[in-house]
Amino acid sequence: MKEAIVSKASEMFLRLGFKSVTMNDIAAEMGISKKTIYQHFSNKEELVEASTTQLFNNISAGIDSIREMGKNSIEEIFTIRNFMMQHLNNESTSPLYQLQKFFPKIFTCLRSMQFEKMNSCMKENLQRGIEYGLYRQDINIEFVSRIYFTGLTGIKDGDIFPAALFDVHEVTRQFLEYHLRGIVTEKGLEILKMLLKNENLILNKF
């Protein structure tokens, strides 16, 4: 039951926001009493923490699986981005904003875990990309890895990129293109153009 509560809460928090969803809402959605939830979690903050940890662990496992596929560095980045978008239900900025505002300690802990995971993955991706001639030899791996994380989290700032003006899926695509064009070689640029073309073809079908 505890696992089911965390899963349902995670889905609702992402869809409606960490502040917006109440324990009553979760209980009603699951068809159980609020008392049942409190048998497993002392308060909402404990449930929020469990939910964000589960989300992080699931996404980390998915990223590791993608990294084991043996894709080239550029395609790997696009595949990871698409996986994250699907797993987070095309996450808007609102849930993260609410998490940061109303559960700052949990947000800070989550951001730290995200950085450690992303920085490690990106540094390996960059090194491999250099070795295969897809990224420039002269890039500073530590800097590029950190600026990538900064940009990826920055585009989720609802004050800077309001949902009324920016579609979250399109913003992430534009950010990836912006980021990669600054570090790819001619060989890498051809792969990037092909991936962007394929994405446009898929989007035009809908």
N, C-alpha and C. Protein backbone atom coordinates (compact mmCIF):
# COMPACT_ATOMS: atom_id res chain seq x y z
N MET A 1 0.83 -1.21 0.00
CA MET A 1 0.00 0.00 0.00
C MET A 1 0.87 1.26 0.00
N LYS A 2 1.95 1.24 0.78
CA LYS A 2 2.82 2.41 0.86
C LYS A 2 3.36 2.77 -0.52
N GLU A 3 3.78 1.75 -1.26
CA GLU A 3 4.32 1.97 -2.61
C GLU A 3 3.26 2.58 -3.52
N ALA A 4 2.03 2.08 -3.41
CA ALA A 4 0.93 2.56 -4.24
C ALA A 4 0.61 4.02 -3.91
N ILE A 5 0.67 4.36 -2.63
CA ILE A 5 0.41 5.74 -2.22
C ILE A 5 1.46 6.68 -2.81
N VAL A 6 2.71 6.27 -2.73
CA VAL A 6 3.80 7.10 -3.27
C VAL A 6 3.65 7.28 -4.77
N SER A 7 3.32 6.21 -5.48
CA SER A 7 3.16 6.28 -6.93
C SER A 7 2.03 7.21 -7.34
N LYS A 8 0.90 7.07 -6.67
CA LYS A 8 -0.26 7.93 -6.99
C LYS A 8 0.03 9.38 -6.63
N ALA A 9 0.66 9.59 -5.48
CA ALA A 9 1.00 10.95 -5.05
C ALA A 9 1.97 11.59 -6.04
N SER A 10 2.95 10.83 -6.50
CA SER A 10 3.93 11.35 -7.46
C SER A 10 3.25 11.82 -8.73
N GLU A 11 2.34 10.98 -9.22
CA GLU A 11 1.63 11.32 -10.46
C GLU A 11 0.79 12.59 -10.28
N MET A 12 0.12 12.70 -9.13
CA MET A 12 -0.73 13.86 -8.88
C MET A 12 0.09 15.12 -8.62
N PHE A 13 1.19 14.98 -7.90
CA PHE A 13 2.05 16.14 -7.63
C PHE A 13 2.58 16.73 -8.94
N LEU A 14 3.00 15.87 -9.84
CA LEU A 14 3.54 16.35 -11.11
C LEU A 14 2.47 17.00 -11.97
N ARG A 15 1.28 16.44 -11.91
CA ARG A 15 0.19 16.95 -12.75
C ARG A 15 -0.43 18.22 -12.20
N LEU A 16 -0.57 18.28 -10.87
CA LEU A 16 -1.32 19.38 -10.26
C LEU A 16 -0.49 20.30 -9.37
N GLY A 17 0.68 19.84 -8.94
CA GLY A 17 1.52 20.67 -8.09
C GLY A 17 1.65 20.12 -6.68
N PHE A 18 2.81 20.31 -6.09
CA PHE A 18 3.09 19.77 -4.76
C PHE A 18 2.27 20.46 -3.67
N LYS A 19 1.99 21.72 -3.84
CA LYS A 19 1.18 22.45 -2.86
C LYS A 19 -0.31 22.21 -3.09
N SER A 20 -0.69 22.16 -4.35
CA SER A 20 -2.11 22.07 -4.70
C SER A 20 -2.76 20.77 -4.23
N VAL A 21 -2.04 19.66 -4.32
CA VAL A 21 -2.61 18.35 -3.98
C VAL A 21 -2.59 18.14 -2.46
N THR A 22 -3.73 17.79 -1.92
CA THR A 22 -3.83 17.54 -0.47
C THR A 22 -3.86 16.04 -0.20
N MET A 23 -3.72 15.69 1.07
CA MET A 23 -3.82 14.29 1.46
C MET A 23 -5.23 13.76 1.17
N ASN A 24 -6.22 14.63 1.33
CA ASN A 24 -7.60 14.25 1.01
C ASN A 24 -7.75 13.91 -0.47
N ASP A 25 -7.12 14.72 -1.31
CA ASP A 25 -7.18 14.49 -2.75
C ASP A 25 -6.61 13.12 -3.11
N ILE A 26 -5.47 12.80 -2.53
CA ILE A 26 -4.82 11.52 -2.82
C ILE A 26 -5.68 10.36 -2.33
N ALA A 27 -6.23 10.51 -1.13
CA ALA A 27 -7.09 9.45 -0.57
C ALA A 27 -8.31 9.24 -1.45
N ALA A 28 -8.93 10.33 -1.89
CA ALA A 28 -10.12 10.23 -2.73
C ALA A 28 -9.79 9.58 -4.07
N GLU A 29 -8.67 9.95 -4.64
CA GLU A 29 -8.24 9.40 -5.94
C GLU A 29 -8.00 7.90 -5.85
N MET A 30 -7.50 7.46 -4.68
CA MET A 30 -7.18 6.04 -4.51
C MET A 30 -8.35 5.24 -3.94
N GLY A 31 -9.39 5.94 -3.47
CA GLY A 31 -10.52 5.26 -2.88
C GLY A 31 -10.21 4.67 -1.51
N ILE A 32 -9.34 5.36 -0.77
CA ILE A 32 -8.99 4.92 0.58
C ILE A 32 -9.24 6.08 1.54
N SER A 33 -9.12 5.81 2.82
CA SER A 33 -9.30 6.88 3.80
C SER A 33 -7.99 7.62 4.02
N LYS A 34 -8.10 8.86 4.45
CA LYS A 34 -6.89 9.63 4.74
C LYS A 34 -6.11 8.98 5.88
N LYS A 35 -6.81 8.31 6.77
CA LYS A 35 -6.17 7.63 7.89
C LYS A 35 -5.19 6.57 7.40
N THR A 36 -5.56 5.91 6.31
CA THR A 36 -4.68 4.88 5.74
C THR A 36 -3.36 5.49 5.30
N ILE A 37 -3.41 6.68 4.71
CA ILE A 37 -2.17 7.35 4.28
C ILE A 37 -1.32 7.70 5.49
N TYR A 38 -1.97 8.18 6.54
CA TYR A 38 -1.23 8.59 7.74
C TYR A 38 -0.65 7.40 8.52
N GLN A 39 -1.10 6.19 8.18
CA GLN A 39 -0.49 5.01 8.78
C GLN A 39 0.93 4.80 8.24
N HIS A 40 1.18 5.36 7.05
CA HIS A 40 2.48 5.19 6.39
C HIS A 40 3.32 6.47 6.39
N PHE A 41 2.66 7.61 6.46
CA PHE A 41 3.37 8.90 6.41
C PHE A 41 2.82 9.82 7.49
N SER A 42 3.70 10.35 8.33
CA SER A 42 3.27 11.19 9.45
C SER A 42 2.65 12.49 8.99
N ASN A 43 3.12 13.02 7.85
CA ASN A 43 2.61 14.28 7.34
C ASN A 43 2.86 14.37 5.83
N LYS A 44 2.37 15.41 5.25
CA LYS A 44 2.48 15.56 3.80
C LYS A 44 3.94 15.71 3.37
N GLU A 45 4.75 16.37 4.17
CA GLU A 45 6.15 16.58 3.80
C GLU A 45 6.88 15.26 3.63
N GLU A 46 6.58 14.30 4.49
CA GLU A 46 7.18 12.97 4.36
C GLU A 46 6.78 12.32 3.04
N LEU A 47 5.52 12.50 2.65
CA LEU A 47 5.03 11.92 1.40
C LEU A 47 5.66 12.61 0.20
N VAL A 48 5.80 13.92 0.28
CA VAL A 48 6.46 14.66 -0.81
C VAL A 48 7.90 14.19 -0.97
N GLU A 49 8.58 14.01 0.15
CA GLU A 49 9.98 13.56 0.10
C GLU A 49 10.08 12.16 -0.52
N ALA A 50 9.18 11.27 -0.11
CA ALA A 50 9.17 9.91 -0.65
C ALA A 50 8.87 9.92 -2.15
N SER A 51 7.96 10.80 -2.56
CA SER A 51 7.57 10.88 -3.97
C SER A 51 8.70 11.40 -4.84
N THR A 52 9.38 12.46 -4.39
CA THR A 52 10.48 13.02 -5.18
C THR A 52 11.65 12.04 -5.24
N THR A 53 11.88 11.30 -4.16
CA THR A 53 12.95 10.30 -4.17
C THR A 53 12.64 9.18 -5.14
N GLN A 54 11.37 8.73 -5.15
CA GLN A 54 10.98 7.68 -6.09
C GLN A 54 11.11 8.16 -7.54
N LEU A 55 10.68 9.37 -7.80
CA LEU A 55 10.80 9.92 -9.15
C LEU A 55 12.26 9.99 -9.59
N PHE A 56 13.11 10.47 -8.68
CA PHE A 56 14.53 10.58 -9.00
C PHE A 56 15.13 9.20 -9.28
N ASN A 57 14.82 8.23 -8.44
CA ASN A 57 15.37 6.88 -8.63
C ASN A 57 14.88 6.24 -9.93
N ASN A 58 13.60 6.43 -10.26
CA ASN A 58 13.07 5.86 -11.50
C ASN A 58 13.73 6.50 -12.73
N ILE A 59 13.88 7.81 -12.69
CA ILE A 59 14.50 8.51 -13.82
C ILE A 59 15.97 8.14 -13.93
N SER A 60 16.66 8.03 -12.81
CA SER A 60 18.07 7.65 -12.82
C SER A 60 18.25 6.27 -13.44
N ALA A 61 17.37 5.33 -13.07
CA ALA A 61 17.45 3.98 -13.62
C ALA A 61 17.20 3.99 -15.12
N GLY A 62 16.25 4.82 -15.56
CA GLY A 62 15.96 4.92 -16.99
C GLY A 62 17.13 5.51 -17.76
N ILE A 63 17.77 6.52 -17.19
CA ILE A 63 18.93 7.13 -17.82
C ILE A 63 20.07 6.12 -17.94
N ASP A 64 20.28 5.35 -16.89
CA ASP A 64 21.34 4.33 -16.93
C ASP A 64 21.06 3.30 -18.03
N SER A 65 19.80 2.94 -18.20
CA SER A 65 19.44 1.98 -19.25
C SER A 65 19.73 2.54 -20.63
N ILE A 66 19.43 3.82 -20.83
CA ILE A 66 19.70 4.46 -22.11
C ILE A 66 21.20 4.53 -22.38
N ARG A 67 21.98 4.83 -21.36
CA ARG A 67 23.43 4.92 -21.51
C ARG A 67 24.04 3.58 -21.90
N GLU A 68 23.38 2.50 -21.54
CA GLU A 68 23.88 1.16 -21.86
C GLU A 68 23.53 0.73 -23.28
N MET A 69 22.76 1.54 -24.00
CA MET A 69 22.34 1.18 -25.36
C MET A 69 23.45 1.36 -26.40
N GLY A 70 24.49 2.10 -26.04
CA GLY A 70 25.59 2.29 -26.98
C GLY A 70 25.33 3.30 -28.07
N LYS A 71 24.43 4.25 -27.83
CA LYS A 71 24.16 5.28 -28.82
C LYS A 71 25.31 6.27 -28.86
N ASN A 72 25.42 7.02 -29.97
CA ASN A 72 26.44 8.06 -30.00
C ASN A 72 26.04 9.17 -29.02
N SER A 73 27.01 10.00 -28.65
CA SER A 73 26.78 10.98 -27.57
C SER A 73 25.63 11.93 -27.84
N ILE A 74 25.49 12.37 -29.08
CA ILE A 74 24.44 13.33 -29.42
C ILE A 74 23.07 12.69 -29.37
N GLU A 75 22.97 11.52 -29.95
CA GLU A 75 21.69 10.80 -29.93
C GLU A 75 21.31 10.43 -28.50
N GLU A 76 22.30 10.10 -27.68
CA GLU A 76 22.04 9.75 -26.29
C GLU A 76 21.37 10.90 -25.55
N ILE A 77 21.86 12.13 -25.77
CA ILE A 77 21.29 13.29 -25.10
C ILE A 77 19.83 13.47 -25.49
N PHE A 78 19.52 13.34 -26.78
CA PHE A 78 18.14 13.48 -27.24
C PHE A 78 17.25 12.38 -26.67
N THR A 79 17.77 11.15 -26.62
CA THR A 79 16.99 10.03 -26.10
C THR A 79 16.68 10.22 -24.62
N ILE A 80 17.66 10.67 -23.86
CA ILE A 80 17.46 10.93 -22.44
C ILE A 80 16.44 12.04 -22.24
N ARG A 81 16.57 13.08 -23.04
CA ARG A 81 15.61 14.20 -22.93
C ARG A 81 14.19 13.73 -23.22
N ASN A 82 13.99 12.92 -24.27
CA ASN A 82 12.65 12.43 -24.61
C ASN A 82 12.11 11.51 -23.51
N PHE A 83 12.99 10.69 -22.95
CA PHE A 83 12.58 9.80 -21.85
C PHE A 83 12.11 10.62 -20.65
N MET A 84 12.86 11.65 -20.31
CA MET A 84 12.50 12.46 -19.15
C MET A 84 11.19 13.20 -19.38
N MET A 85 10.99 13.71 -20.59
CA MET A 85 9.75 14.41 -20.89
C MET A 85 8.54 13.48 -20.75
N GLN A 86 8.69 12.25 -21.25
CA GLN A 86 7.59 11.28 -21.17
C GLN A 86 7.36 10.85 -19.72
N HIS A 87 8.45 10.61 -18.99
CA HIS A 87 8.34 10.12 -17.62
C HIS A 87 7.75 11.18 -16.69
N LEU A 88 8.02 12.44 -17.00
CA LEU A 88 7.52 13.53 -16.16
C LEU A 88 6.24 14.14 -16.72
N ASN A 89 5.63 13.43 -17.68
CA ASN A 89 4.37 13.90 -18.27
C ASN A 89 4.49 15.31 -18.84
N ASN A 90 5.61 15.56 -19.57
CA ASN A 90 5.85 16.90 -20.12
C ASN A 90 5.77 17.96 -19.04
N GLU A 91 6.41 17.66 -17.94
CA GLU A 91 6.42 18.48 -16.73
C GLU A 91 6.44 19.98 -17.02
N SER A 92 5.53 20.69 -16.41
CA SER A 92 5.51 22.14 -16.52
C SER A 92 6.37 22.72 -15.40
N THR A 93 6.50 24.03 -15.37
CA THR A 93 7.32 24.66 -14.34
C THR A 93 6.59 24.72 -12.99
N SER A 94 5.26 24.66 -13.01
CA SER A 94 4.48 24.85 -11.79
C SER A 94 4.82 23.88 -10.65
N PRO A 95 4.88 22.56 -10.90
CA PRO A 95 5.20 21.65 -9.79
C PRO A 95 6.56 21.95 -9.15
N LEU A 96 7.57 22.21 -9.96
CA LEU A 96 8.89 22.52 -9.42
C LEU A 96 8.89 23.83 -8.64
N TYR A 97 8.14 24.80 -9.14
CA TYR A 97 8.05 26.08 -8.45
C TYR A 97 7.42 25.89 -7.08
N GLN A 98 6.36 25.10 -7.03
CA GLN A 98 5.69 24.84 -5.75
C GLN A 98 6.59 24.06 -4.81
N LEU A 99 7.33 23.11 -5.34
CA LEU A 99 8.25 22.35 -4.51
C LEU A 99 9.31 23.27 -3.90
N GLN A 100 9.86 24.14 -4.73
CA GLN A 100 10.89 25.06 -4.26
C GLN A 100 10.35 26.04 -3.22
N LYS A 101 9.13 26.53 -3.44
CA LYS A 101 8.56 27.54 -2.55
C LYS A 101 8.06 26.97 -1.22
N PHE A 102 7.39 25.82 -1.28
CA PHE A 102 6.73 25.31 -0.08
C PHE A 102 7.48 24.17 0.62
N PHE A 103 8.42 23.54 -0.11
CA PHE A 103 9.22 22.47 0.48
C PHE A 103 10.69 22.68 0.12
N PRO A 104 11.26 23.80 0.55
CA PRO A 104 12.61 24.19 0.12
C PRO A 104 13.71 23.18 0.46
N LYS A 105 13.62 22.54 1.62
CA LYS A 105 14.65 21.56 2.00
C LYS A 105 14.63 20.35 1.06
N ILE A 106 13.43 19.90 0.73
CA ILE A 106 13.30 18.77 -0.19
C ILE A 106 13.78 19.17 -1.58
N PHE A 107 13.43 20.38 -2.00
CA PHE A 107 13.85 20.87 -3.31
C PHE A 107 15.37 20.94 -3.40
N THR A 108 16.02 21.47 -2.36
CA THR A 108 17.47 21.60 -2.35
C THR A 108 18.15 20.23 -2.41
N CYS A 109 17.62 19.29 -1.66
CA CYS A 109 18.16 17.93 -1.67
C CYS A 109 18.00 17.29 -3.04
N LEU A 110 16.82 17.46 -3.63
CA LEU A 110 16.55 16.90 -4.96
C LEU A 110 17.47 17.52 -6.00
N ARG A 111 17.64 18.84 -5.93
CA ARG A 111 18.49 19.53 -6.90
C ARG A 111 19.95 19.04 -6.79
N SER A 112 20.39 18.78 -5.57
CA SER A 112 21.74 18.27 -5.35
C SER A 112 21.91 16.89 -5.98
N MET A 113 20.93 16.02 -5.78
CA MET A 113 20.99 14.67 -6.36
C MET A 113 20.94 14.74 -7.88
N GLN A 114 20.11 15.63 -8.40
CA GLN A 114 20.01 15.79 -9.85
C GLN A 114 21.33 16.24 -10.44
N PHE A 115 21.97 17.19 -9.77
CA PHE A 115 23.25 17.70 -10.27
C PHE A 115 24.31 16.60 -10.28
N GLU A 116 24.42 15.86 -9.21
CA GLU A 116 25.44 14.80 -9.14
C GLU A 116 25.23 13.78 -10.25
N LYS A 117 23.97 13.41 -10.47
CA LYS A 117 23.67 12.42 -11.51
C LYS A 117 23.94 12.99 -12.90
N MET A 118 23.42 14.17 -13.17
CA MET A 118 23.55 14.77 -14.49
C MET A 118 24.99 15.13 -14.80
N ASN A 119 25.70 15.66 -13.82
CA ASN A 119 27.09 16.05 -14.05
C ASN A 119 27.95 14.84 -14.39
N SER A 120 27.73 13.76 -13.66
CA SER A 120 28.48 12.53 -13.92
C SER A 120 28.19 11.98 -15.32
N CYS A 121 26.90 11.93 -15.67
CA CYS A 121 26.50 11.41 -16.99
C CYS A 121 27.02 12.29 -18.11
N MET A 122 26.91 13.61 -17.93
CA MET A 122 27.30 14.52 -18.99
C MET A 122 28.81 14.51 -19.22
N LYS A 123 29.58 14.43 -18.16
CA LYS A 123 31.04 14.40 -18.32
C LYS A 123 31.47 13.16 -19.12
N GLU A 124 30.83 12.04 -18.83
CA GLU A 124 31.13 10.81 -19.58
C GLU A 124 30.70 10.96 -21.03
N ASN A 125 29.53 11.56 -21.23
CA ASN A 125 29.01 11.78 -22.59
C ASN A 125 29.95 12.68 -23.38
N LEU A 126 30.44 13.73 -22.77
CA LEU A 126 31.33 14.67 -23.44
C LEU A 126 32.67 14.01 -23.80
N GLN A 127 33.21 13.25 -22.86
CA GLN A 127 34.49 12.59 -23.11
C GLN A 127 34.36 11.61 -24.27
N ARG A 128 33.27 10.85 -24.29
CA ARG A 128 33.05 9.89 -25.36
C ARG A 128 32.83 10.60 -26.69
N GLY A 129 32.10 11.72 -26.64
CA GLY A 129 31.86 12.49 -27.85
C GLY A 129 33.15 13.05 -28.45
N ILE A 130 34.06 13.46 -27.60
CA ILE A 130 35.37 13.96 -28.06
C ILE A 130 36.16 12.83 -28.71
N GLU A 131 36.16 11.67 -28.06
CA GLU A 131 36.92 10.53 -28.56
C GLU A 131 36.43 10.08 -29.93
N TYR A 132 35.12 10.21 -30.19
CA TYR A 132 34.56 9.78 -31.47
C TYR A 132 34.45 10.93 -32.48
N GLY A 133 35.02 12.06 -32.13
CA GLY A 133 35.07 13.17 -33.08
C GLY A 133 33.76 13.92 -33.28
N LEU A 134 32.84 13.78 -32.32
CA LEU A 134 31.55 14.46 -32.44
C LEU A 134 31.56 15.81 -31.73
N TYR A 135 32.39 15.94 -30.70
CA TYR A 135 32.55 17.20 -29.97
C TYR A 135 33.97 17.72 -30.17
N ARG A 136 34.12 19.03 -30.09
CA ARG A 136 35.43 19.65 -30.27
C ARG A 136 36.42 19.20 -29.20
N GLN A 137 37.67 19.07 -29.61
CA GLN A 137 38.73 18.62 -28.70
C GLN A 137 39.02 19.65 -27.61
N ASP A 138 38.76 20.92 -27.90
CA ASP A 138 39.20 21.98 -27.00
C ASP A 138 38.17 22.39 -25.95
N ILE A 139 37.04 21.68 -25.86
CA ILE A 139 36.03 22.09 -24.88
C ILE A 139 36.49 21.73 -23.46
N ASN A 140 36.07 22.55 -22.52
CA ASN A 140 36.34 22.31 -21.10
C ASN A 140 35.18 21.45 -20.56
N ILE A 141 35.45 20.18 -20.35
CA ILE A 141 34.40 19.23 -19.98
C ILE A 141 33.68 19.64 -18.70
N GLU A 142 34.42 20.04 -17.70
CA GLU A 142 33.81 20.41 -16.43
C GLU A 142 32.89 21.62 -16.58
N PHE A 143 33.33 22.59 -17.36
CA PHE A 143 32.51 23.80 -17.58
C PHE A 143 31.26 23.47 -18.39
N VAL A 144 31.43 22.76 -19.50
CA VAL A 144 30.30 22.45 -20.38
C VAL A 144 29.26 21.61 -19.65
N SER A 145 29.72 20.66 -18.85
CA SER A 145 28.80 19.82 -18.09
C SER A 145 27.96 20.65 -17.12
N ARG A 146 28.60 21.58 -16.44
CA ARG A 146 27.89 22.40 -15.45
C ARG A 146 26.99 23.44 -16.11
N ILE A 147 27.42 23.99 -17.23
CA ILE A 147 26.58 24.98 -17.91
C ILE A 147 25.37 24.30 -18.53
N TYR A 148 25.53 23.03 -18.91
CA TYR A 148 24.40 22.27 -19.44
C TYR A 148 23.34 22.08 -18.36
N PHE A 149 23.77 21.70 -17.16
CA PHE A 149 22.83 21.52 -16.05
C PHE A 149 22.15 22.84 -15.70
N THR A 150 22.95 23.91 -15.68
CA THR A 150 22.40 25.23 -15.37
C THR A 150 21.33 25.64 -16.37
N GLY A 151 21.62 25.41 -17.65
CA GLY A 151 20.65 25.76 -18.68
C GLY A 151 19.40 24.90 -18.63
N LEU A 152 19.60 23.61 -18.41
CA LEU A 152 18.47 22.68 -18.39
C LEU A 152 17.52 22.99 -17.25
N THR A 153 18.07 23.39 -16.12
CA THR A 153 17.21 23.76 -14.98
C THR A 153 16.68 25.19 -15.15
N GLY A 154 17.47 26.05 -15.78
CA GLY A 154 17.06 27.44 -15.96
C GLY A 154 15.85 27.61 -16.85
N ILE A 155 15.71 26.77 -17.87
CA ILE A 155 14.57 26.91 -18.78
C ILE A 155 13.26 26.48 -18.12
N LYS A 156 13.35 25.91 -16.91
CA LYS A 156 12.14 25.53 -16.18
C LYS A 156 11.68 26.64 -15.24
N ASP A 157 12.38 27.75 -15.27
CA ASP A 157 11.99 28.90 -14.45
C ASP A 157 10.80 29.58 -15.09
N GLY A 158 9.65 29.47 -14.43
CA GLY A 158 8.41 30.00 -15.00
C GLY A 158 8.38 31.51 -15.12
N ASP A 159 9.21 32.22 -14.35
CA ASP A 159 9.26 33.67 -14.47
C ASP A 159 10.00 34.09 -15.74
N ILE A 160 11.01 33.33 -16.10
CA ILE A 160 11.81 33.64 -17.29
C ILE A 160 11.20 33.04 -18.55
N PHE A 161 10.65 31.84 -18.42
CA PHE A 161 10.02 31.15 -19.56
C PHE A 161 8.57 30.82 -19.21
N PRO A 162 7.70 31.81 -19.18
CA PRO A 162 6.29 31.57 -18.81
C PRO A 162 5.61 30.62 -19.80
N ALA A 163 4.77 29.75 -19.25
CA ALA A 163 4.09 28.74 -20.07
C ALA A 163 3.22 29.36 -21.15
N ALA A 164 2.76 30.57 -20.93
CA ALA A 164 1.91 31.24 -21.92
C ALA A 164 2.69 31.58 -23.19
N LEU A 165 4.00 31.70 -23.07
CA LEU A 165 4.84 32.06 -24.22
C LEU A 165 5.69 30.91 -24.74
N PHE A 166 5.99 29.95 -23.86
CA PHE A 166 6.93 28.90 -24.24
C PHE A 166 6.36 27.51 -23.95
N ASP A 167 6.31 26.69 -24.99
CA ASP A 167 5.93 25.29 -24.84
C ASP A 167 7.12 24.53 -24.28
N VAL A 168 6.93 23.77 -23.19
CA VAL A 168 8.04 23.12 -22.51
C VAL A 168 8.80 22.15 -23.42
N HIS A 169 8.10 21.44 -24.28
CA HIS A 169 8.74 20.49 -25.19
C HIS A 169 9.61 21.23 -26.20
N GLU A 170 9.10 22.31 -26.75
CA GLU A 170 9.84 23.08 -27.75
C GLU A 170 11.03 23.80 -27.13
N VAL A 171 10.87 24.29 -25.91
CA VAL A 171 11.97 24.99 -25.24
C VAL A 171 13.14 24.04 -25.00
N THR A 172 12.85 22.83 -24.56
CA THR A 172 13.95 21.89 -24.32
C THR A 172 14.64 21.51 -25.63
N ARG A 173 13.87 21.39 -26.71
CA ARG A 173 14.47 21.08 -28.01
C ARG A 173 15.38 22.22 -28.46
N GLN A 174 14.89 23.44 -28.31
CA GLN A 174 15.70 24.60 -28.71
C GLN A 174 16.95 24.72 -27.85
N PHE A 175 16.83 24.41 -26.56
CA PHE A 175 17.99 24.48 -25.69
C PHE A 175 19.04 23.45 -26.09
N LEU A 176 18.61 22.23 -26.39
CA LEU A 176 19.56 21.20 -26.82
C LEU A 176 20.28 21.62 -28.09
N GLU A 177 19.55 22.17 -29.05
CA GLU A 177 20.18 22.62 -30.28
C GLU A 177 21.18 23.74 -30.00
N TYR A 178 20.77 24.70 -29.19
CA TYR A 178 21.63 25.83 -28.82
C TYR A 178 22.91 25.33 -28.14
N HIS A 179 22.75 24.41 -27.21
CA HIS A 179 23.89 23.87 -26.46
C HIS A 179 24.83 23.08 -27.37
N LEU A 180 24.26 22.17 -28.15
CA LEU A 180 25.09 21.28 -28.94
C LEU A 180 25.81 21.99 -30.09
N ARG A 181 25.16 22.97 -30.69
CA ARG A 181 25.82 23.70 -31.78
C ARG A 181 27.11 24.38 -31.31
N GLY A 182 27.21 24.66 -30.03
CA GLY A 182 28.40 25.31 -29.51
C GLY A 182 29.57 24.37 -29.28
N ILE A 183 29.32 23.05 -29.31
CA ILE A 183 30.41 22.12 -28.99
C ILE A 183 30.66 21.05 -30.05
N VAL A 184 29.76 20.91 -31.03
CA VAL A 184 29.93 19.83 -31.99
C VAL A 184 30.97 20.16 -33.06
N THR A 185 31.52 19.10 -33.65
CA THR A 185 32.39 19.22 -34.82
C THR A 185 31.51 19.18 -36.06
N GLU A 186 32.11 19.24 -37.24
CA GLU A 186 31.34 19.12 -38.48
C GLU A 186 30.64 17.76 -38.53
N LYS A 187 31.35 16.73 -38.10
CA LYS A 187 30.77 15.39 -38.06
C LYS A 187 29.59 15.34 -37.11
N GLY A 188 29.75 15.96 -35.95
CA GLY A 188 28.67 15.99 -34.98
C GLY A 188 27.49 16.81 -35.45
N LEU A 189 27.77 17.88 -36.19
CA LEU A 189 26.71 18.75 -36.69
C LEU A 189 25.79 18.01 -37.65
N GLU A 190 26.34 17.13 -38.45
CA GLU A 190 25.51 16.35 -39.37
C GLU A 190 24.54 15.45 -38.60
N ILE A 191 25.02 14.85 -37.53
CA ILE A 191 24.15 14.00 -36.70
C ILE A 191 23.08 14.86 -36.04
N LEU A 192 23.47 16.02 -35.53
CA LEU A 192 22.52 16.92 -34.88
C LEU A 192 21.42 17.34 -35.86
N LYS A 193 21.80 17.73 -37.05
CA LYS A 193 20.82 18.15 -38.07
C LYS A 193 19.85 17.02 -38.39
N MET A 194 20.36 15.80 -38.46
CA MET A 194 19.51 14.65 -38.77
C MET A 194 18.51 14.40 -37.65
N LEU A 195 18.97 14.50 -36.40
CA LEU A 195 18.07 14.29 -35.27
C LEU A 195 17.00 15.37 -35.20
N LEU A 196 17.38 16.61 -35.46
CA LEU A 196 16.41 17.71 -35.46
C LEU A 196 15.39 17.54 -36.57
N LYS A 197 15.85 17.09 -37.72
CA LYS A 197 14.95 16.86 -38.85
C LYS A 197 13.95 15.76 -38.53
N ASN A 198 14.42 14.69 -37.90
CA ASN A 198 13.54 13.58 -37.52
C ASN A 198 12.51 14.03 -36.50
N GLU A 199 12.94 14.88 -35.56
CA GLU A 199 12.00 15.39 -34.55
C GLU A 199 10.91 16.23 -35.21
N ASN A 200 11.31 17.06 -36.16
CA ASN A 200 10.33 17.90 -36.86
C ASN A 200 9.33 17.06 -37.64
N LEU A 201 9.80 15.97 -38.24
CA LEU A 201 8.92 15.09 -38.99
C LEU A 201 7.90 14.43 -38.06
N ILE A 202 8.36 14.04 -36.86
CA ILE A 202 7.45 13.42 -35.90
C ILE A 202 6.41 14.42 -35.42
N LEU A 203 6.87 15.65 -35.11
CA LEU A 203 5.96 16.68 -34.62
C LEU A 203 4.92 17.06 -35.68
N ASN A 204 5.32 17.07 -36.94
CA ASN A 204 4.41 17.46 -38.02
C ASN A 204 3.31 16.43 -38.26
N LYS A 205 3.47 15.24 -37.70
CA LYS A 205 2.45 14.19 -37.85
C LYS A 205 1.27 14.45 -36.93
N PHE A 206 1.49 15.26 -35.91
CA PHE A 206 0.44 15.49 -34.90
C PHE A 206 -0.23 16.83 -35.09
